[in-house]
Each structure stands twice: as structure tokens, then as C-alpha cells.
Amino acid sequence: MKNLGLFFTGLIAALVVLSLSAFSVDQREFAIVFRLGQIISVEQSPGLHFKVPLLDNVRYYDKRIVTLDWVEPDRFITSEKKNVLVDSFVKWRIVDPAKYYVSVRGDEKQAEARLSQMVNDGLRAEFGKRTIHDVISGERAKIMDILRDKADHEARQMGIQVLDVRLKRVDLPPEVSDSVYQRMEAERKRVANDLRSQGAGAAEKIRADADKQREVILAEAFREAQRIKGEGDAKASEIYASAYSKNPEFYAFYRSLEAYRNSFRSKSDVLVLDPSSDFFKYLKSPGSGRGK
């Protein structure tokens, strides 16, 4: 019985020692093993690992990509001595845990502070060489490539890899933006007024041309109408003359009937004429003109 107790005691002690000696590493982490404050190993492969109990301790660091994003945009000066507000972010990760621990004592806040200073210094230098147009559109991609390479080179001394540096937004300060927008608005109004003036001048030219064409068309139409009317009158006179020459008596009789019709249109019409006038010769004697 005593031996059995000693066996279980030894088994429990072995399990305790084993539990103090073993540690696991997740695939998303690095593990640094310290012995009396000194780094003795860095475990990067996931799985179960062992250490000396009571002498060694383990610290874990995330190997995933971290985003450094500033809350407020920073102010920089371009080569034109104009201020711009730049909002950017950095993608980074730990690649050398031992160097990372030695450089910043494994403090992520301290690492981001130093990385932020590196990127800001690079932005200040690159913006100081370029105009607003260059930093907004002309050489924006080139600036980001330069900043990434430079920041990555310097960050390697801390055991950090800079994967990307991006400019999210480049704006003018509010006091400058207002004046720029006002100038843009004034310029747009000037262009709009110029276009309206050009449109009004073109409209007047079109209207004048249309009025001219209208007058020409009306004049030509009136001239053509008068010509046709004259030809009609001439033709009518020719027909009347031909008819008169064939039967003058009938023609005189027909003209008298037309005169009677036009004179006696209403019962209230009154004519004061001599009864012996030639006007009434066909009323008094329808055949009075035959003997002549």
C-alpha cells in the first residue's frame, strides 16, 4: 500500500513537472522562451514545445498583419509652401520576434509610435519635394512605393516588416478649401456667363437669319403671286376680248346682268338714275340692243 502511494505521488509530481515544462504555440503566434530574463529560443512553428520548469518563461506575440491607422490627419507642406492634410495608414507585422523584443521590449504601442514617426518623416520629405497636383494625382503611387520601401528598410531594425503604406485622403485645410471653392465657383460662374453670352449671340444670329429668310421667302412668294395674278388677269382679258369679239351683244347683256346683280342685292337698296339711262335699257326692252 505504501509503494502504491509513492507511485501515485510520483505520478502526480511527474504530471506537474510535465505541465510546467510544456507549452503550445498557436499558428497565429510567435513564442519567445526566456531563461532568467535572457532569450534562449524563439518558437515559430505551431504545436507542443517544452521548457525548463521554474527557470524558463514564455511570451507570445501575434504574427498576423496589424493596421496602423491614425485618428486625425497630419499636416504637411508641399514644395509650393502650401499646407495639405494627409490621412494614411500602414500595414505591418512582426518577422523577427527576438529583435522586436529587444528593440521595443515587445510593446506594440511603442513599436507603432516609432513606425508612425518613420512614416511621418518620409511623408514630410516626399511632400516637400512635390506640388499639390503631384501628391494628389500625378505621383501618388510613386510616393506610396517610396514610403513603403523606406519604412520597411528602417522597420527591419525593429524586427518589423512594413507591407504597405497607403494615402487614404489628401485634402486642403478648411481655411484654404473655402477660398479654393470660392475661386472655383467664381470661375464656373464666369464660364457659365461666357457660354450664356455665346449662346445668346448665336441665338440672335439664328433669329436674324431666320427673319431674313422669312422676308426673302415672303417677297419671292408675293412676286410670284403677282406674276401669276397678272398672267391670270391677262388671260382673263384675252378671254373677255375674244368672247366680246365673237358676240358683242351677248357680252353687253352679260355685263348688264352682272351690274344689276351687284346693284340690287338688297330690297332696301335705292338708286337715283334717269329712267332713260342706258343702265335700264335691258330692263325696259331686253332686245333693245339688237338693232344697233
Protein backbone atom coordinates (compact mmCIF):
# COMPACT_ATOMS: atom_id res chain seq x y z
CA MET A 1 0.00 0.00 0.00
CA LYS A 2 2.87 2.33 0.85
CA ASN A 3 4.51 1.61 -2.50
CA LEU A 4 1.22 2.37 -4.28
CA GLY A 5 1.01 5.71 -2.50
CA LEU A 6 4.55 6.55 -3.50
CA PHE A 7 3.72 5.60 -7.10
CA PHE A 8 0.74 7.94 -7.27
CA THR A 9 2.71 10.70 -5.57
CA GLY A 10 5.50 10.31 -8.11
CA LEU A 11 2.97 10.21 -10.96
CA ILE A 12 1.34 13.41 -9.79
CA ALA A 13 4.72 15.09 -9.41
CA ALA A 14 5.69 14.00 -12.92
CA LEU A 15 2.45 15.38 -14.32
CA VAL A 16 3.03 18.67 -12.55
CA VAL A 17 6.58 18.88 -13.87
CA LEU A 18 5.34 17.96 -17.35
CA SER A 19 2.64 20.63 -17.24
CA LEU A 20 5.21 23.21 -16.12
CA SER A 21 7.56 22.10 -18.88
CA ALA A 22 5.14 22.00 -21.84
CA PHE A 23 3.58 24.91 -23.70
CA SER A 24 1.73 25.19 -27.01
CA VAL A 25 2.17 27.67 -29.82
CA ASP A 26 -0.79 28.73 -31.96
CA GLN A 27 -0.32 29.07 -35.71
CA ARG A 28 -1.10 32.79 -35.42
CA GLU A 29 1.61 33.42 -32.80
CA PHE A 30 5.32 33.52 -32.08
CA ALA A 31 6.65 32.29 -28.73
CA ILE A 32 9.86 33.58 -27.10
CA VAL A 33 11.35 31.45 -24.34
CA PHE A 34 13.25 33.37 -21.63
CA ARG A 35 15.59 31.97 -19.00
CA LEU A 36 16.35 34.32 -16.18
CA GLY A 37 15.39 37.27 -18.45
CA GLN A 38 17.53 36.16 -21.38
CA ILE A 39 16.15 34.95 -24.70
CA ILE A 40 17.13 31.35 -25.27
CA SER A 41 14.82 30.40 -28.18
CA VAL A 42 12.08 31.61 -30.49
CA GLU A 43 9.38 29.10 -31.39
CA GLN A 44 7.62 29.90 -34.68
CA SER A 45 6.17 26.52 -35.64
CA PRO A 46 2.75 25.70 -34.15
CA GLY A 47 2.39 22.73 -31.80
CA LEU A 48 3.62 21.50 -28.44
CA HIS A 49 7.01 22.66 -27.11
CA PHE A 50 8.96 22.21 -23.88
CA LYS A 51 10.92 24.41 -21.48
CA VAL A 52 12.73 24.09 -18.19
CA PRO A 53 10.15 24.47 -15.44
CA LEU A 54 10.56 27.26 -12.90
CA LEU A 55 13.53 28.68 -14.84
CA ASP A 56 12.01 29.41 -18.22
CA ASN A 57 9.01 31.57 -19.05
CA VAL A 58 7.24 32.18 -22.38
CA ARG A 59 5.85 35.33 -24.01
CA TYR A 60 3.62 35.28 -27.07
CA TYR A 61 3.45 37.76 -29.95
CA ASP A 62 0.92 37.94 -32.77
CA LYS A 63 2.34 37.14 -36.23
CA ARG A 64 -0.73 38.43 -38.11
CA ILE A 65 -0.82 41.70 -40.09
CA VAL A 66 -1.54 44.78 -37.98
CA THR A 67 -3.03 48.06 -39.28
CA LEU A 68 -1.67 51.35 -38.01
CA ASP A 69 -4.37 53.93 -38.74
CA TRP A 70 -4.19 57.48 -37.44
CA VAL A 71 -7.26 59.06 -35.87
CA GLU A 72 -6.57 62.56 -37.18
CA PRO A 73 -4.87 63.51 -40.49
CA ASP A 74 -1.42 65.09 -40.33
CA ARG A 75 -0.47 68.44 -41.86
CA PHE A 76 2.38 68.62 -44.36
CA ILE A 77 3.86 71.37 -46.57
CA THR A 78 4.34 70.93 -50.30
CA SER A 79 7.07 72.44 -52.47
CA GLU A 80 4.66 75.32 -53.16
CA LYS A 81 4.65 76.13 -49.42
CA LYS A 82 1.00 75.09 -49.18
CA ASN A 83 -0.43 73.03 -46.34
CA VAL A 84 -2.22 69.75 -47.02
CA LEU A 85 -3.98 67.34 -44.66
CA VAL A 86 -2.96 63.72 -45.24
CA ASP A 87 -4.85 60.71 -43.91
CA SER A 88 -2.86 57.48 -44.28
CA PHE A 89 -2.44 54.00 -42.83
CA VAL A 90 0.30 51.36 -42.59
CA LYS A 91 0.13 47.56 -42.76
CA TRP A 92 2.88 45.81 -40.76
CA ARG A 93 3.75 42.58 -38.97
CA ILE A 94 6.45 41.03 -36.80
CA VAL A 95 9.01 38.96 -38.69
CA ASP A 96 11.84 38.75 -36.11
CA PRO A 97 10.35 38.32 -32.60
CA ALA A 98 13.73 38.43 -30.84
CA LYS A 99 14.78 41.71 -32.47
CA TYR A 100 11.25 43.05 -31.91
CA TYR A 101 11.52 42.33 -28.19
CA VAL A 102 15.00 43.80 -27.89
CA SER A 103 14.05 46.99 -29.82
CA VAL A 104 10.72 47.89 -28.24
CA ARG A 105 10.55 45.42 -25.32
CA GLY A 106 7.70 43.71 -27.14
CA ASP A 107 5.43 46.75 -26.67
CA GLU A 108 3.11 47.21 -29.67
CA LYS A 109 2.28 50.81 -28.73
CA GLN A 110 5.98 51.71 -28.67
CA ALA A 111 6.51 49.94 -32.00
CA GLU A 112 3.63 51.83 -33.61
CA ALA A 113 4.90 55.13 -32.20
CA ARG A 114 8.32 54.60 -33.79
CA LEU A 115 6.76 53.34 -37.03
CA SER A 116 4.45 56.36 -37.10
CA GLN A 117 7.44 58.68 -36.73
CA MET A 118 9.23 56.93 -39.61
CA VAL A 119 6.25 57.24 -41.94
CA ASN A 120 5.60 60.87 -40.99
CA ASP A 121 9.22 61.80 -41.63
CA GLY A 122 9.05 60.09 -45.01
CA LEU A 123 5.79 61.84 -45.91
CA ARG A 124 7.21 65.20 -44.89
CA ALA A 125 10.29 64.66 -47.05
CA GLU A 126 8.37 63.43 -50.10
CA PHE A 127 5.66 66.09 -49.91
CA GLY A 128 8.27 68.81 -49.56
CA LYS A 129 9.64 67.83 -53.00
CA ARG A 130 6.30 67.88 -54.84
CA THR A 131 3.39 70.15 -55.73
CA ILE A 132 -0.22 69.64 -54.68
CA HIS A 133 -1.05 68.20 -58.10
CA ASP A 134 1.77 65.66 -57.77
CA VAL A 135 0.73 64.41 -54.35
CA ILE A 136 -2.96 64.22 -55.25
CA SER A 137 -2.82 62.51 -58.61
CA GLY A 138 0.42 62.88 -60.54
CA GLU A 139 2.89 60.88 -58.41
CA ARG A 140 0.69 59.44 -55.68
CA ALA A 141 1.51 55.79 -56.46
CA LYS A 142 5.22 56.60 -56.66
CA ILE A 143 5.12 58.32 -53.26
CA MET A 144 3.47 55.28 -51.66
CA ASP A 145 6.07 52.92 -53.13
CA ILE A 146 8.94 55.09 -51.87
CA LEU A 147 7.40 55.38 -48.40
CA ARG A 148 6.80 51.62 -48.17
CA ASP A 149 10.36 50.73 -49.17
CA LYS A 150 11.93 53.33 -46.89
CA ALA A 151 9.74 52.49 -43.88
CA ASP A 152 10.29 48.77 -44.38
CA HIS A 153 14.07 49.23 -44.52
CA GLU A 154 14.10 51.17 -41.24
CA ALA A 155 11.49 48.98 -39.54
CA ARG A 156 13.56 45.83 -40.16
CA GLN A 157 15.86 47.05 -37.39
CA MET A 158 12.92 46.51 -35.01
CA GLY A 159 12.10 43.07 -36.43
CA ILE A 160 9.08 44.51 -38.27
CA GLN A 161 8.11 44.21 -41.93
CA VAL A 162 6.12 47.08 -43.48
CA LEU A 163 3.81 45.54 -46.08
CA ASP A 164 2.08 48.66 -47.35
CA VAL A 165 1.72 52.40 -46.87
CA ARG A 166 -1.42 53.99 -48.28
CA LEU A 167 -2.73 57.55 -48.55
CA LYS A 168 -6.47 57.44 -47.94
CA ARG A 169 -7.12 61.12 -48.48
CA VAL A 170 -5.21 64.31 -49.29
CA ASP A 171 -7.17 67.48 -48.55
CA LEU A 172 -6.54 71.17 -48.22
CA PRO A 173 -7.06 72.74 -44.78
CA PRO A 174 -10.57 74.18 -44.23
CA GLU A 175 -9.37 77.80 -44.38
CA VAL A 176 -7.72 77.10 -47.75
CA SER A 177 -10.51 74.87 -49.07
CA ASP A 178 -13.11 77.63 -48.62
CA SER A 179 -11.12 80.11 -50.69
CA VAL A 180 -10.38 77.45 -53.32
CA TYR A 181 -14.06 76.53 -53.57
CA GLN A 182 -14.98 80.20 -53.85
CA ARG A 183 -12.48 80.67 -56.68
CA MET A 184 -13.76 77.52 -58.37
CA GLU A 185 -17.35 78.75 -58.02
CA ALA A 186 -16.43 82.18 -59.43
CA GLU A 187 -14.59 80.53 -62.32
CA ARG A 188 -17.54 78.26 -63.06
CA LYS A 189 -19.89 81.24 -62.99
CA ARG A 190 -17.61 83.13 -65.36
CA VAL A 191 -17.51 80.19 -67.75
CA ALA A 192 -21.29 79.82 -67.48
CA ASN A 193 -21.80 83.52 -68.24
CA ASP A 194 -19.45 83.26 -71.22
CA LEU A 195 -21.38 80.28 -72.53
CA ARG A 196 -24.68 82.09 -71.99
CA SER A 197 -23.35 85.14 -73.86
CA GLN A 198 -22.12 82.97 -76.71
CA GLY A 199 -25.46 81.17 -76.76
CA ALA A 200 -27.40 84.46 -76.77
CA GLY A 201 -25.24 85.79 -79.63
CA ALA A 202 -25.71 82.58 -81.62
CA ALA A 203 -29.46 82.71 -80.95
CA GLU A 204 -29.68 86.31 -82.17
CA LYS A 205 -27.72 85.38 -85.29
CA ILE A 206 -30.02 82.43 -85.96
CA ARG A 207 -33.13 84.56 -85.40
CA ALA A 208 -31.81 87.32 -87.69
CA ASP A 209 -31.00 84.76 -90.38
CA ALA A 210 -34.43 83.17 -89.97
CA ASP A 211 -36.15 86.60 -90.22
CA LYS A 212 -34.10 87.40 -93.33
CA GLN A 213 -35.03 84.10 -94.93
CA ARG A 214 -38.68 84.69 -94.00
CA GLU A 215 -38.67 88.12 -95.64
CA VAL A 216 -36.98 86.75 -98.73
CA ILE A 217 -39.46 83.87 -98.98
CA LEU A 218 -42.44 86.22 -98.50
CA ALA A 219 -41.08 88.67 -101.08
CA GLU A 220 -40.48 85.89 -103.60
CA ALA A 221 -43.90 84.43 -102.86
CA PHE A 222 -45.57 87.85 -103.30
CA ARG A 223 -43.66 88.44 -106.52
CA GLU A 224 -44.66 85.02 -107.82
CA ALA A 225 -48.27 85.62 -106.75
CA GLN A 226 -48.34 88.97 -108.53
CA ARG A 227 -46.84 87.39 -111.62
CA ILE A 228 -49.42 84.60 -111.61
CA LYS A 229 -52.19 87.11 -110.91
CA GLY A 230 -51.01 89.31 -113.78
CA GLU A 231 -50.88 86.31 -116.09
CA GLY A 232 -54.38 85.38 -114.93
CA ASP A 233 -55.68 88.90 -115.49
CA ALA A 234 -54.08 88.97 -118.91
CA LYS A 235 -55.58 85.59 -119.76
CA ALA A 236 -58.97 86.73 -118.46
CA SER A 237 -58.78 89.92 -120.52
CA GLU A 238 -57.81 87.89 -123.54
CA ILE A 239 -60.78 85.56 -122.98
CA TYR A 240 -63.13 88.51 -122.42
CA ALA A 241 -61.83 90.21 -125.58
CA SER A 242 -62.23 87.02 -127.57
CA ALA A 243 -65.74 86.49 -126.25
CA TYR A 244 -66.67 90.11 -126.89
CA SER A 245 -65.42 89.99 -130.42
CA LYS A 246 -67.49 86.88 -131.15
CA ASN A 247 -70.80 88.27 -129.78
CA PRO A 248 -70.63 91.86 -128.56
CA GLU A 249 -74.40 92.00 -127.86
CA PHE A 250 -74.31 88.97 -125.58
CA TYR A 251 -71.25 90.32 -123.82
CA ALA A 252 -73.03 93.69 -123.22
CA PHE A 253 -76.09 91.83 -121.98
CA TYR A 254 -73.98 89.67 -119.61
CA ARG A 255 -72.18 92.70 -118.22
CA SER A 256 -75.53 94.45 -117.62
CA LEU A 257 -76.81 91.42 -115.71
CA GLU A 258 -73.69 91.48 -113.55
CA ALA A 259 -74.26 95.18 -112.89
CA TYR A 260 -77.92 94.54 -111.97
CA ARG A 261 -76.93 91.71 -109.60
CA ASN A 262 -74.35 93.86 -107.85
CA SER A 263 -76.69 96.89 -107.64
CA PHE A 264 -79.87 95.21 -106.38
CA ARG A 265 -78.52 92.83 -103.72
CA SER A 266 -80.93 94.04 -101.01
CA LYS A 267 -84.57 95.12 -101.12
CA SER A 268 -83.64 98.30 -99.29
CA ASP A 269 -81.15 99.42 -101.97
CA VAL A 270 -82.10 102.70 -103.67
CA LEU A 271 -80.68 104.09 -106.97
CA VAL A 272 -81.39 107.58 -108.25
CA LEU A 273 -80.98 107.43 -112.06
CA ASP A 274 -82.59 108.85 -115.15
CA PRO A 275 -85.14 106.29 -116.43
CA SER A 276 -83.93 106.90 -119.96
CA SER A 277 -80.35 105.94 -118.99
CA ASP A 278 -78.66 103.11 -120.85
CA PHE A 279 -78.43 101.31 -117.50
CA PHE A 280 -82.09 100.29 -117.79
CA LYS A 281 -82.22 99.51 -121.48
CA TYR A 282 -82.31 95.73 -120.96
CA LEU A 283 -84.98 96.11 -118.24
CA LYS A 284 -87.24 98.19 -120.46
CA SER A 285 -86.58 96.26 -123.67
CA PRO A 286 -84.47 93.06 -123.42
CA GLY A 287 -83.93 93.14 -127.17
CA SER A 288 -83.19 96.84 -127.39
CA GLY A 289 -79.58 96.32 -128.19
CA ARG A 290 -80.09 94.09 -131.21
CA GLY A 291 -80.88 96.85 -133.63
CA LYS A 292 -77.65 98.66 -133.02
